[in-house]
Amino acid sequence: LPIFLARDHDDCVPGPVSGEFSTSPVVREAPREPAGGTLRVLLFGW
């Protein structure tokens, strides 16, 4: 069951096969989670 982000259910319909992207990107390693740090949070209410 494919999952989509769309404005409407009817938009989740594929068009014709268009082939590869016009230019082939150089495959790189995916970015890692940002370096750790400290969040200082002031929270009002319980």
All heavy atoms as atom14 arrays in JSON, in Angstrom:
{
  "sequence": "LPIFLARDHDDCVPGPVSGEFSTSPVVREAPREPAGGTLRVLLFGW",
  "atom14_mask": [
    [1, 1, 1, 1, 1, 1, 1, 1, 0, 0, 0, 0, 0, 0],
    [1, 1, 1, 1, 1, 1, 1, 0, 0, 0, 0, 0, 0, 0],
    [1, 1, 1, 1, 1, 1, 1, 1, 0, 0, 0, 0, 0, 0],
    [1, 1, 1, 1, 1, 1, 1, 1, 1, 1, 1, 0, 0, 0],
    [1, 1, 1, 1, 1, 1, 1, 1, 0, 0, 0, 0, 0, 0],
    [1, 1, 1, 1, 1, 0, 0, 0, 0, 0, 0, 0, 0, 0],
    [1, 1, 1, 1, 1, 1, 1, 1, 1, 1, 1, 0, 0, 0],
    [1, 1, 1, 1, 1, 1, 1, 1, 0, 0, 0, 0, 0, 0],
    [1, 1, 1, 1, 1, 1, 1, 1, 1, 1, 0, 0, 0, 0],
    [1, 1, 1, 1, 1, 1, 1, 1, 0, 0, 0, 0, 0, 0],
    [1, 1, 1, 1, 1, 1, 1, 1, 0, 0, 0, 0, 0, 0],
    [1, 1, 1, 1, 1, 1, 0, 0, 0, 0, 0, 0, 0, 0],
    [1, 1, 1, 1, 1, 1, 1, 0, 0, 0, 0, 0, 0, 0],
    [1, 1, 1, 1, 1, 1, 1, 0, 0, 0, 0, 0, 0, 0],
    [1, 1, 1, 1, 0, 0, 0, 0, 0, 0, 0, 0, 0, 0],
    [1, 1, 1, 1, 1, 1, 1, 0, 0, 0, 0, 0, 0, 0],
    [1, 1, 1, 1, 1, 1, 1, 0, 0, 0, 0, 0, 0, 0],
    [1, 1, 1, 1, 1, 1, 0, 0, 0, 0, 0, 0, 0, 0],
    [1, 1, 1, 1, 0, 0, 0, 0, 0, 0, 0, 0, 0, 0],
    [1, 1, 1, 1, 1, 1, 1, 1, 1, 0, 0, 0, 0, 0],
    [1, 1, 1, 1, 1, 1, 1, 1, 1, 1, 1, 0, 0, 0],
    [1, 1, 1, 1, 1, 1, 0, 0, 0, 0, 0, 0, 0, 0],
    [1, 1, 1, 1, 1, 1, 1, 0, 0, 0, 0, 0, 0, 0],
    [1, 1, 1, 1, 1, 1, 0, 0, 0, 0, 0, 0, 0, 0],
    [1, 1, 1, 1, 1, 1, 1, 0, 0, 0, 0, 0, 0, 0],
    [1, 1, 1, 1, 1, 1, 1, 0, 0, 0, 0, 0, 0, 0],
    [1, 1, 1, 1, 1, 1, 1, 0, 0, 0, 0, 0, 0, 0],
    [1, 1, 1, 1, 1, 1, 1, 1, 1, 1, 1, 0, 0, 0],
    [1, 1, 1, 1, 1, 1, 1, 1, 1, 0, 0, 0, 0, 0],
    [1, 1, 1, 1, 1, 0, 0, 0, 0, 0, 0, 0, 0, 0],
    [1, 1, 1, 1, 1, 1, 1, 0, 0, 0, 0, 0, 0, 0],
    [1, 1, 1, 1, 1, 1, 1, 1, 1, 1, 1, 0, 0, 0],
    [1, 1, 1, 1, 1, 1, 1, 1, 1, 0, 0, 0, 0, 0],
    [1, 1, 1, 1, 1, 1, 1, 0, 0, 0, 0, 0, 0, 0],
    [1, 1, 1, 1, 1, 0, 0, 0, 0, 0, 0, 0, 0, 0],
    [1, 1, 1, 1, 0, 0, 0, 0, 0, 0, 0, 0, 0, 0],
    [1, 1, 1, 1, 0, 0, 0, 0, 0, 0, 0, 0, 0, 0],
    [1, 1, 1, 1, 1, 1, 1, 0, 0, 0, 0, 0, 0, 0],
    [1, 1, 1, 1, 1, 1, 1, 1, 0, 0, 0, 0, 0, 0],
    [1, 1, 1, 1, 1, 1, 1, 1, 1, 1, 1, 0, 0, 0],
    [1, 1, 1, 1, 1, 1, 1, 0, 0, 0, 0, 0, 0, 0],
    [1, 1, 1, 1, 1, 1, 1, 1, 0, 0, 0, 0, 0, 0],
    [1, 1, 1, 1, 1, 1, 1, 1, 0, 0, 0, 0, 0, 0],
    [1, 1, 1, 1, 1, 1, 1, 1, 1, 1, 1, 0, 0, 0],
    [1, 1, 1, 1, 0, 0, 0, 0, 0, 0, 0, 0, 0, 0],
    [1, 1, 1, 1, 1, 1, 1, 1, 1, 1, 1, 1, 1, 1]
  ],
  "atom14_positions": [
    [[0.84, -1.19, 0.0], [0.0, 0.0, 0.0], [0.88, 1.25, 0.0], [1.46, 1.61, 1.04], [-0.92, -0.01, 1.23], [-2.03, 1.03, 1.3], [-2.93, 0.94, 0.07], [-2.85, 0.83, 2.58], [0.0, 0.0, 0.0], [0.0, 0.0, 0.0], [0.0, 0.0, 0.0], [0.0, 0.0, 0.0], [0.0, 0.0, 0.0], [0.0, 0.0, 0.0]],
    [[1.05, 1.91, -1.14], [1.93, 3.08, -1.22], [1.44, 4.24, -0.35], [0.24, 4.44, -0.16], [1.9, 3.45, -2.7], [1.55, 2.18, -3.4], [0.57, 1.49, -2.47], [0.0, 0.0, 0.0], [0.0, 0.0, 0.0], [0.0, 0.0, 0.0], [0.0, 0.0, 0.0], [0.0, 0.0, 0.0], [0.0, 0.0, 0.0], [0.0, 0.0, 0.0]],
    [[2.4, 5.01, 0.18], [2.14, 6.16, 1.04], [2.54, 7.42, 0.29], [3.66, 7.5, -0.24], [2.95, 6.06, 2.35], [2.7, 4.71, 3.04], [2.61, 7.22, 3.28], [3.69, 4.43, 4.16], [0.0, 0.0, 0.0], [0.0, 0.0, 0.0], [0.0, 0.0, 0.0], [0.0, 0.0, 0.0], [0.0, 0.0, 0.0], [0.0, 0.0, 0.0]],
    [[1.67, 8.42, 0.28], [1.93, 9.65, -0.48], [1.77, 10.89, 0.4], [1.0, 10.89, 1.36], [0.94, 9.77, -1.65], [1.04, 8.69, -2.67], [0.23, 7.56, -2.58], [1.92, 8.79, -3.73], [0.31, 6.56, -3.53], [2.0, 7.79, -4.69], [1.2, 6.67, -4.59], [0.0, 0.0, 0.0], [0.0, 0.0, 0.0], [0.0, 0.0, 0.0]],
    [[2.48, 11.94, 0.01], [2.18, 13.3, 0.46], [1.56, 14.0, -0.74], [2.2, 14.11, -1.8], [3.45, 14.02, 0.91], [3.24, 15.47, 1.39], [2.48, 15.5, 2.71], [4.58, 16.2, 1.54], [0.0, 0.0, 0.0], [0.0, 0.0, 0.0], [0.0, 0.0, 0.0], [0.0, 0.0, 0.0], [0.0, 0.0, 0.0], [0.0, 0.0, 0.0]],
    [[0.32, 14.46, -0.59], [-0.39, 15.05, -1.72], [-1.47, 16.0, -1.22], [-1.82, 16.0, -0.04], [-1.01, 13.96, -2.6], [0.0, 0.0, 0.0], [0.0, 0.0, 0.0], [0.0, 0.0, 0.0], [0.0, 0.0, 0.0], [0.0, 0.0, 0.0], [0.0, 0.0, 0.0], [0.0, 0.0, 0.0], [0.0, 0.0, 0.0], [0.0, 0.0, 0.0]],
    [[-1.99, 16.79, -2.15], [-3.07, 17.71, -1.8], [-4.44, 17.04, -1.88], [-5.39, 17.49, -1.26], [-3.05, 18.92, -2.74], [-1.8, 19.78, -2.61], [-1.84, 20.95, -3.58], [-0.61, 21.74, -3.51], [0.49, 21.44, -4.2], [0.49, 20.39, -5.01], [1.57, 22.19, -4.09], [0.0, 0.0, 0.0], [0.0, 0.0, 0.0], [0.0, 0.0, 0.0]],
    [[-4.5, 15.95, -2.65], [-5.78, 15.28, -2.86], [-5.52, 13.82, -3.19], [-4.48, 13.48, -3.77], [-6.55, 15.96, -4.0], [-7.97, 15.46, -4.11], [-8.86, 16.0, -3.44], [-8.17, 14.5, -4.89], [0.0, 0.0, 0.0], [0.0, 0.0, 0.0], [0.0, 0.0, 0.0], [0.0, 0.0, 0.0], [0.0, 0.0, 0.0], [0.0, 0.0, 0.0]],
    [[-6.47, 12.99, -2.83], [-6.35, 11.55, -3.11], [-6.2, 11.29, -4.61], [-5.47, 10.38, -5.04], [-7.58, 10.83, -2.56], [-7.48, 9.33, -2.61], [-8.02, 8.6, -3.64], [-6.89, 8.44, -1.78], [-7.78, 7.31, -3.44], [-7.1, 7.19, -2.31], [0.0, 0.0, 0.0], [0.0, 0.0, 0.0], [0.0, 0.0, 0.0], [0.0, 0.0, 0.0]],
    [[-6.86, 12.09, -5.44], [-6.8, 11.89, -6.89], [-5.45, 12.25, -7.47], [-5.16, 11.89, -8.63], [-7.89, 12.73, -7.58], [-9.29, 12.23, -7.26], [-9.42, 11.04, -6.89], [-10.24, 13.02, -7.38], [0.0, 0.0, 0.0], [0.0, 0.0, 0.0], [0.0, 0.0, 0.0], [0.0, 0.0, 0.0], [0.0, 0.0, 0.0], [0.0, 0.0, 0.0]],
    [[-4.63, 12.97, -6.72], [-3.29, 13.31, -7.2], [-2.32, 12.13, -7.13], [-1.24, 12.19, -7.71], [-2.7, 14.48, -6.39], [-3.42, 15.79, -6.67], [-4.08, 15.88, -7.73], [-3.32, 16.71, -5.84], [0.0, 0.0, 0.0], [0.0, 0.0, 0.0], [0.0, 0.0, 0.0], [0.0, 0.0, 0.0], [0.0, 0.0, 0.0], [0.0, 0.0, 0.0]],
    [[-2.72, 11.09, -6.41], [-1.82, 9.94, -6.2], [-1.94, 8.94, -7.34], [-2.07, 7.72, -7.13], [-2.12, 9.27, -4.86], [-2.07, 10.39, -3.45], [0.0, 0.0, 0.0], [0.0, 0.0, 0.0], [0.0, 0.0, 0.0], [0.0, 0.0, 0.0], [0.0, 0.0, 0.0], [0.0, 0.0, 0.0], [0.0, 0.0, 0.0], [0.0, 0.0, 0.0]],
    [[-1.9, 9.45, -8.55], [-1.99, 8.62, -9.75], [-0.75, 8.87, -10.58], [-0.43, 10.03, -10.9], [-3.26, 8.97, -10.57], [-3.29, 8.16, -11.86], [-4.51, 8.72, -9.75], [0.0, 0.0, 0.0], [0.0, 0.0, 0.0], [0.0, 0.0, 0.0], [0.0, 0.0, 0.0], [0.0, 0.0, 0.0], [0.0, 0.0, 0.0], [0.0, 0.0, 0.0]],
    [[-0.02, 7.82, -10.95], [1.24, 8.03, -11.68], [1.01, 8.43, -13.12], [0.01, 8.05, -13.75], [1.91, 6.65, -11.6], [0.77, 5.68, -11.49], [-0.29, 6.39, -10.7], [0.0, 0.0, 0.0], [0.0, 0.0, 0.0], [0.0, 0.0, 0.0], [0.0, 0.0, 0.0], [0.0, 0.0, 0.0], [0.0, 0.0, 0.0], [0.0, 0.0, 0.0]],
    [[1.94, 9.2, -13.64], [1.93, 9.53, -15.05], [2.68, 8.47, -15.83], [3.09, 7.44, -15.3], [0.0, 0.0, 0.0], [0.0, 0.0, 0.0], [0.0, 0.0, 0.0], [0.0, 0.0, 0.0], [0.0, 0.0, 0.0], [0.0, 0.0, 0.0], [0.0, 0.0, 0.0], [0.0, 0.0, 0.0], [0.0, 0.0, 0.0], [0.0, 0.0, 0.0]],
    [[2.89, 8.7, -17.12], [3.61, 7.73, -17.94], [5.07, 7.61, -17.51], [5.62, 8.5, -16.87], [3.49, 8.31, -19.35], [3.27, 9.77, -19.14], [2.47, 9.89, -17.89], [0.0, 0.0, 0.0], [0.0, 0.0, 0.0], [0.0, 0.0, 0.0], [0.0, 0.0, 0.0], [0.0, 0.0, 0.0], [0.0, 0.0, 0.0], [0.0, 0.0, 0.0]],
    [[5.69, 6.51, -17.87], [7.1, 6.3, -17.55], [7.92, 7.34, -18.28], [7.83, 7.5, -19.5], [7.56, 4.88, -17.96], [9.04, 4.7, -17.68], [6.74, 3.83, -17.22], [0.0, 0.0, 0.0], [0.0, 0.0, 0.0], [0.0, 0.0, 0.0], [0.0, 0.0, 0.0], [0.0, 0.0, 0.0], [0.0, 0.0, 0.0], [0.0, 0.0, 0.0]],
    [[8.71, 8.1, -17.49], [9.49, 9.2, -18.09], [10.97, 8.88, -18.19], [11.75, 9.69, -18.67], [9.3, 10.48, -17.27], [9.7, 10.27, -15.93], [0.0, 0.0, 0.0], [0.0, 0.0, 0.0], [0.0, 0.0, 0.0], [0.0, 0.0, 0.0], [0.0, 0.0, 0.0], [0.0, 0.0, 0.0], [0.0, 0.0, 0.0], [0.0, 0.0, 0.0]],
    [[11.39, 7.71, -17.72], [12.81, 7.38, -17.77], [13.55, 7.96, -16.59], [12.98, 8.41, -15.61], [0.0, 0.0, 0.0], [0.0, 0.0, 0.0], [0.0, 0.0, 0.0], [0.0, 0.0, 0.0], [0.0, 0.0, 0.0], [0.0, 0.0, 0.0], [0.0, 0.0, 0.0], [0.0, 0.0, 0.0], [0.0, 0.0, 0.0], [0.0, 0.0, 0.0]],
    [[14.87, 7.95, -16.66], [15.71, 8.43, -15.58], [15.68, 9.94, -15.51], [15.23, 10.63, -16.43], [17.16, 7.93, -15.78], [17.3, 6.42, -15.77], [16.99, 5.84, -14.41], [17.21, 6.53, -13.41], [16.52, 4.69, -14.35], [0.0, 0.0, 0.0], [0.0, 0.0, 0.0], [0.0, 0.0, 0.0], [0.0, 0.0, 0.0], [0.0, 0.0, 0.0]],
    [[16.19, 10.49, -14.4], [16.35, 11.94, -14.31], [17.25, 12.42, -15.45], [18.11, 11.67, -15.95], [16.99, 12.31, -12.97], [16.01, 12.28, -11.83], [16.3, 11.56, -10.68], [14.83, 12.97, -11.89], [15.42, 11.52, -9.62], [13.93, 12.94, -10.83], [14.23, 12.21, -9.7], [0.0, 0.0, 0.0], [0.0, 0.0, 0.0], [0.0, 0.0, 0.0]],
    [[17.1, 13.67, -15.82], [17.85, 14.18, -16.97], [19.35, 14.16, -16.74], [20.12, 14.06, -17.68], [17.39, 15.62, -17.28], [17.53, 16.44, -16.13], [0.0, 0.0, 0.0], [0.0, 0.0, 0.0], [0.0, 0.0, 0.0], [0.0, 0.0, 0.0], [0.0, 0.0, 0.0], [0.0, 0.0, 0.0], [0.0, 0.0, 0.0], [0.0, 0.0, 0.0]],
    [[19.78, 14.28, -15.5], [21.21, 14.15, -15.18], [21.35, 13.17, -14.04], [20.52, 13.12, -13.15], [21.82, 15.51, -14.77], [21.13, 15.99, -13.61], [21.71, 16.53, -15.89], [0.0, 0.0, 0.0], [0.0, 0.0, 0.0], [0.0, 0.0, 0.0], [0.0, 0.0, 0.0], [0.0, 0.0, 0.0], [0.0, 0.0, 0.0], [0.0, 0.0, 0.0]],
    [[22.4, 12.39, -14.08], [22.62, 11.38, -13.05], [23.47, 11.96, -11.94], [24.62, 12.34, -12.18], [23.32, 10.15, -13.66], [22.51, 9.58, -14.65], [0.0, 0.0, 0.0], [0.0, 0.0, 0.0], [0.0, 0.0, 0.0], [0.0, 0.0, 0.0], [0.0, 0.0, 0.0], [0.0, 0.0, 0.0], [0.0, 0.0, 0.0], [0.0, 0.0, 0.0]],
    [[22.95, 12.09, -10.74], [23.73, 12.65, -9.63], [24.77, 11.66, -9.13], [24.68, 10.46, -9.35], [22.65, 12.88, -8.55], [21.61, 11.84, -8.85], [21.6, 11.69, -10.33], [0.0, 0.0, 0.0], [0.0, 0.0, 0.0], [0.0, 0.0, 0.0], [0.0, 0.0, 0.0], [0.0, 0.0, 0.0], [0.0, 0.0, 0.0], [0.0, 0.0, 0.0]],
    [[25.78, 12.19, -8.48], [26.79, 11.36, -7.85], [26.24, 10.9, -6.51], [25.86, 11.72, -5.67], [28.1, 12.15, -7.65], [29.13, 11.28, -6.94], [28.63, 12.62, -9.0], [0.0, 0.0, 0.0], [0.0, 0.0, 0.0], [0.0, 0.0, 0.0], [0.0, 0.0, 0.0], [0.0, 0.0, 0.0], [0.0, 0.0, 0.0], [0.0, 0.0, 0.0]],
    [[26.16, 9.59, -6.31], [25.6, 9.05, -5.08], [26.54, 9.32, -3.92], [27.73, 9.01, -3.98], [25.33, 7.54, -5.21], [24.8, 6.99, -3.9], [24.35, 7.29, -6.33], [0.0, 0.0, 0.0], [0.0, 0.0, 0.0], [0.0, 0.0, 0.0], [0.0, 0.0, 0.0], [0.0, 0.0, 0.0], [0.0, 0.0, 0.0], [0.0, 0.0, 0.0]],
    [[26.01, 9.93, -2.86], [26.81, 10.25, -1.69], [26.15, 9.65, -0.47], [24.99, 9.26, -0.5], [26.92, 11.77, -1.52], [27.61, 12.45, -2.69], [27.46, 13.96, -2.6], [26.08, 14.37, -2.86], [25.71, 15.62, -3.01], [26.59, 16.6, -2.91], [24.45, 15.93, -3.25], [0.0, 0.0, 0.0], [0.0, 0.0, 0.0], [0.0, 0.0, 0.0]],
    [[26.9, 9.58, 0.59], [26.36, 9.06, 1.84], [25.34, 10.04, 2.39], [25.55, 11.26, 2.37], [27.48, 8.83, 2.85], [27.02, 8.15, 4.12], [28.18, 7.9, 5.08], [29.29, 8.39, 4.78], [27.96, 7.23, 6.09], [0.0, 0.0, 0.0], [0.0, 0.0, 0.0], [0.0, 0.0, 0.0], [0.0, 0.0, 0.0], [0.0, 0.0, 0.0]],
    [[24.24, 9.52, 2.91], [23.18, 10.37, 3.45], [23.69, 11.16, 4.65], [24.52, 10.67, 5.41], [21.98, 9.53, 3.85], [0.0, 0.0, 0.0], [0.0, 0.0, 0.0], [0.0, 0.0, 0.0], [0.0, 0.0, 0.0], [0.0, 0.0, 0.0], [0.0, 0.0, 0.0], [0.0, 0.0, 0.0], [0.0, 0.0, 0.0], [0.0, 0.0, 0.0]],
    [[23.22, 12.4, 4.85], [23.64, 13.19, 6.01], [23.29, 12.48, 7.3], [22.26, 11.8, 7.4], [22.82, 14.49, 5.86], [22.39, 14.52, 4.44], [22.26, 13.11, 4.0], [0.0, 0.0, 0.0], [0.0, 0.0, 0.0], [0.0, 0.0, 0.0], [0.0, 0.0, 0.0], [0.0, 0.0, 0.0], [0.0, 0.0, 0.0], [0.0, 0.0, 0.0]],
    [[24.14, 12.63, 8.28], [23.89, 12.03, 9.58], [23.11, 12.97, 10.46], [22.99, 14.16, 10.18], [25.21, 11.64, 10.25], [26.0, 10.59, 9.47], [25.19, 9.34, 9.27], [25.9, 8.31, 8.52], [25.34, 7.19, 8.09], [24.07, 6.96, 8.3], [26.05, 6.3, 7.42], [0.0, 0.0, 0.0], [0.0, 0.0, 0.0], [0.0, 0.0, 0.0]],
    [[22.6, 12.44, 11.55], [21.87, 13.26, 12.51], [22.79, 14.35, 13.03], [23.98, 14.13, 13.23], [21.4, 12.38, 13.67], [20.34, 13.03, 14.53], [19.81, 12.05, 15.57], [20.3, 10.93, 15.63], [18.91, 12.46, 16.3], [0.0, 0.0, 0.0], [0.0, 0.0, 0.0], [0.0, 0.0, 0.0], [0.0, 0.0, 0.0], [0.0, 0.0, 0.0]],
    [[22.3, 15.57, 13.22], [23.14, 16.66, 13.68], [23.87, 16.32, 14.97], [23.41, 15.52, 15.78], [22.13, 17.81, 13.91], [20.96, 17.45, 13.05], [20.9, 15.97, 13.02], [0.0, 0.0, 0.0], [0.0, 0.0, 0.0], [0.0, 0.0, 0.0], [0.0, 0.0, 0.0], [0.0, 0.0, 0.0], [0.0, 0.0, 0.0], [0.0, 0.0, 0.0]],
    [[25.04, 16.93, 15.12], [25.83, 16.68, 16.32], [25.04, 17.04, 17.57], [24.22, 17.95, 17.58], [27.12, 17.5, 16.27], [0.0, 0.0, 0.0], [0.0, 0.0, 0.0], [0.0, 0.0, 0.0], [0.0, 0.0, 0.0], [0.0, 0.0, 0.0], [0.0, 0.0, 0.0], [0.0, 0.0, 0.0], [0.0, 0.0, 0.0], [0.0, 0.0, 0.0]],
    [[25.28, 16.27, 18.62], [24.53, 16.47, 19.84], [24.84, 17.79, 20.51], [25.85, 18.43, 20.26], [0.0, 0.0, 0.0], [0.0, 0.0, 0.0], [0.0, 0.0, 0.0], [0.0, 0.0, 0.0], [0.0, 0.0, 0.0], [0.0, 0.0, 0.0], [0.0, 0.0, 0.0], [0.0, 0.0, 0.0], [0.0, 0.0, 0.0], [0.0, 0.0, 0.0]],
    [[23.97, 18.19, 21.38], [24.15, 19.43, 22.12], [23.21, 19.44, 23.29], [22.68, 18.41, 23.7], [0.0, 0.0, 0.0], [0.0, 0.0, 0.0], [0.0, 0.0, 0.0], [0.0, 0.0, 0.0], [0.0, 0.0, 0.0], [0.0, 0.0, 0.0], [0.0, 0.0, 0.0], [0.0, 0.0, 0.0], [0.0, 0.0, 0.0], [0.0, 0.0, 0.0]],
    [[23.0, 20.63, 23.85], [22.13, 20.78, 25.01], [20.99, 21.73, 24.69], [21.23, 22.83, 24.19], [22.93, 21.3, 26.22], [23.96, 20.36, 26.56], [22.01, 21.47, 27.43], [0.0, 0.0, 0.0], [0.0, 0.0, 0.0], [0.0, 0.0, 0.0], [0.0, 0.0, 0.0], [0.0, 0.0, 0.0], [0.0, 0.0, 0.0], [0.0, 0.0, 0.0]],
    [[19.78, 21.3, 24.96], [18.61, 22.16, 24.84], [18.26, 22.7, 26.21], [18.1, 21.94, 27.16], [17.42, 21.37, 24.28], [17.56, 20.74, 22.89], [16.32, 19.93, 22.57], [17.78, 21.8, 21.84], [0.0, 0.0, 0.0], [0.0, 0.0, 0.0], [0.0, 0.0, 0.0], [0.0, 0.0, 0.0], [0.0, 0.0, 0.0], [0.0, 0.0, 0.0]],
    [[18.14, 24.02, 26.33], [17.72, 24.63, 27.58], [16.28, 25.1, 27.41], [16.0, 26.02, 26.63], [18.63, 25.79, 27.97], [20.07, 25.37, 28.19], [20.85, 26.42, 28.99], [20.36, 26.49, 30.37], [19.79, 27.56, 30.9], [19.62, 28.66, 30.18], [19.38, 27.56, 32.16], [0.0, 0.0, 0.0], [0.0, 0.0, 0.0], [0.0, 0.0, 0.0]],
    [[15.37, 24.42, 28.1], [13.94, 24.62, 27.89], [13.29, 25.17, 29.15], [13.49, 24.64, 30.26], [13.26, 23.28, 27.5], [11.77, 23.5, 27.26], [13.93, 22.67, 26.28], [0.0, 0.0, 0.0], [0.0, 0.0, 0.0], [0.0, 0.0, 0.0], [0.0, 0.0, 0.0], [0.0, 0.0, 0.0], [0.0, 0.0, 0.0], [0.0, 0.0, 0.0]],
    [[12.51, 26.24, 28.97], [11.69, 26.78, 30.05], [10.25, 26.41, 29.73], [9.71, 26.81, 28.7], [11.84, 28.3, 30.12], [10.99, 29.03, 31.18], [11.32, 28.54, 32.58], [11.19, 30.54, 31.07], [0.0, 0.0, 0.0], [0.0, 0.0, 0.0], [0.0, 0.0, 0.0], [0.0, 0.0, 0.0], [0.0, 0.0, 0.0], [0.0, 0.0, 0.0]],
    [[9.64, 25.62, 30.61], [8.3, 25.09, 30.35], [7.32, 25.62, 31.39], [7.52, 25.45, 32.59], [8.34, 23.55, 30.38], [7.1, 22.8, 29.88], [7.5, 21.44, 29.33], [6.07, 22.62, 30.99], [0.0, 0.0, 0.0], [0.0, 0.0, 0.0], [0.0, 0.0, 0.0], [0.0, 0.0, 0.0], [0.0, 0.0, 0.0], [0.0, 0.0, 0.0]],
    [[6.27, 26.27, 30.9], [5.23, 26.81, 31.77], [4.02, 25.88, 31.76], [3.47, 25.59, 30.71], [4.8, 28.21, 31.31], [5.86, 29.26, 31.47], [6.56, 29.75, 30.38], [6.17, 29.75, 32.73], [7.52, 30.72, 30.52], [7.14, 30.72, 32.89], [7.83, 31.2, 31.79], [0.0, 0.0, 0.0], [0.0, 0.0, 0.0], [0.0, 0.0, 0.0]],
    [[3.61, 25.43, 32.95], [2.42, 24.6, 33.06], [2.74, 23.14, 33.3], [3.86, 22.68, 33.07], [0.0, 0.0, 0.0], [0.0, 0.0, 0.0], [0.0, 0.0, 0.0], [0.0, 0.0, 0.0], [0.0, 0.0, 0.0], [0.0, 0.0, 0.0], [0.0, 0.0, 0.0], [0.0, 0.0, 0.0], [0.0, 0.0, 0.0], [0.0, 0.0, 0.0]],
    [[1.74, 22.42, 33.8], [1.89, 20.99, 34.06], [0.63, 20.27, 33.6], [-0.49, 20.71, 33.88], [2.14, 20.73, 35.54], [2.43, 19.29, 35.81], [1.55, 18.32, 36.24], [3.68, 18.65, 35.65], [2.18, 17.11, 36.34], [3.51, 17.27, 35.99], [4.95, 19.07, 35.26], [4.54, 16.35, 35.95], [5.99, 18.15, 35.21], [5.78, 16.81, 35.56]]
  ]
}
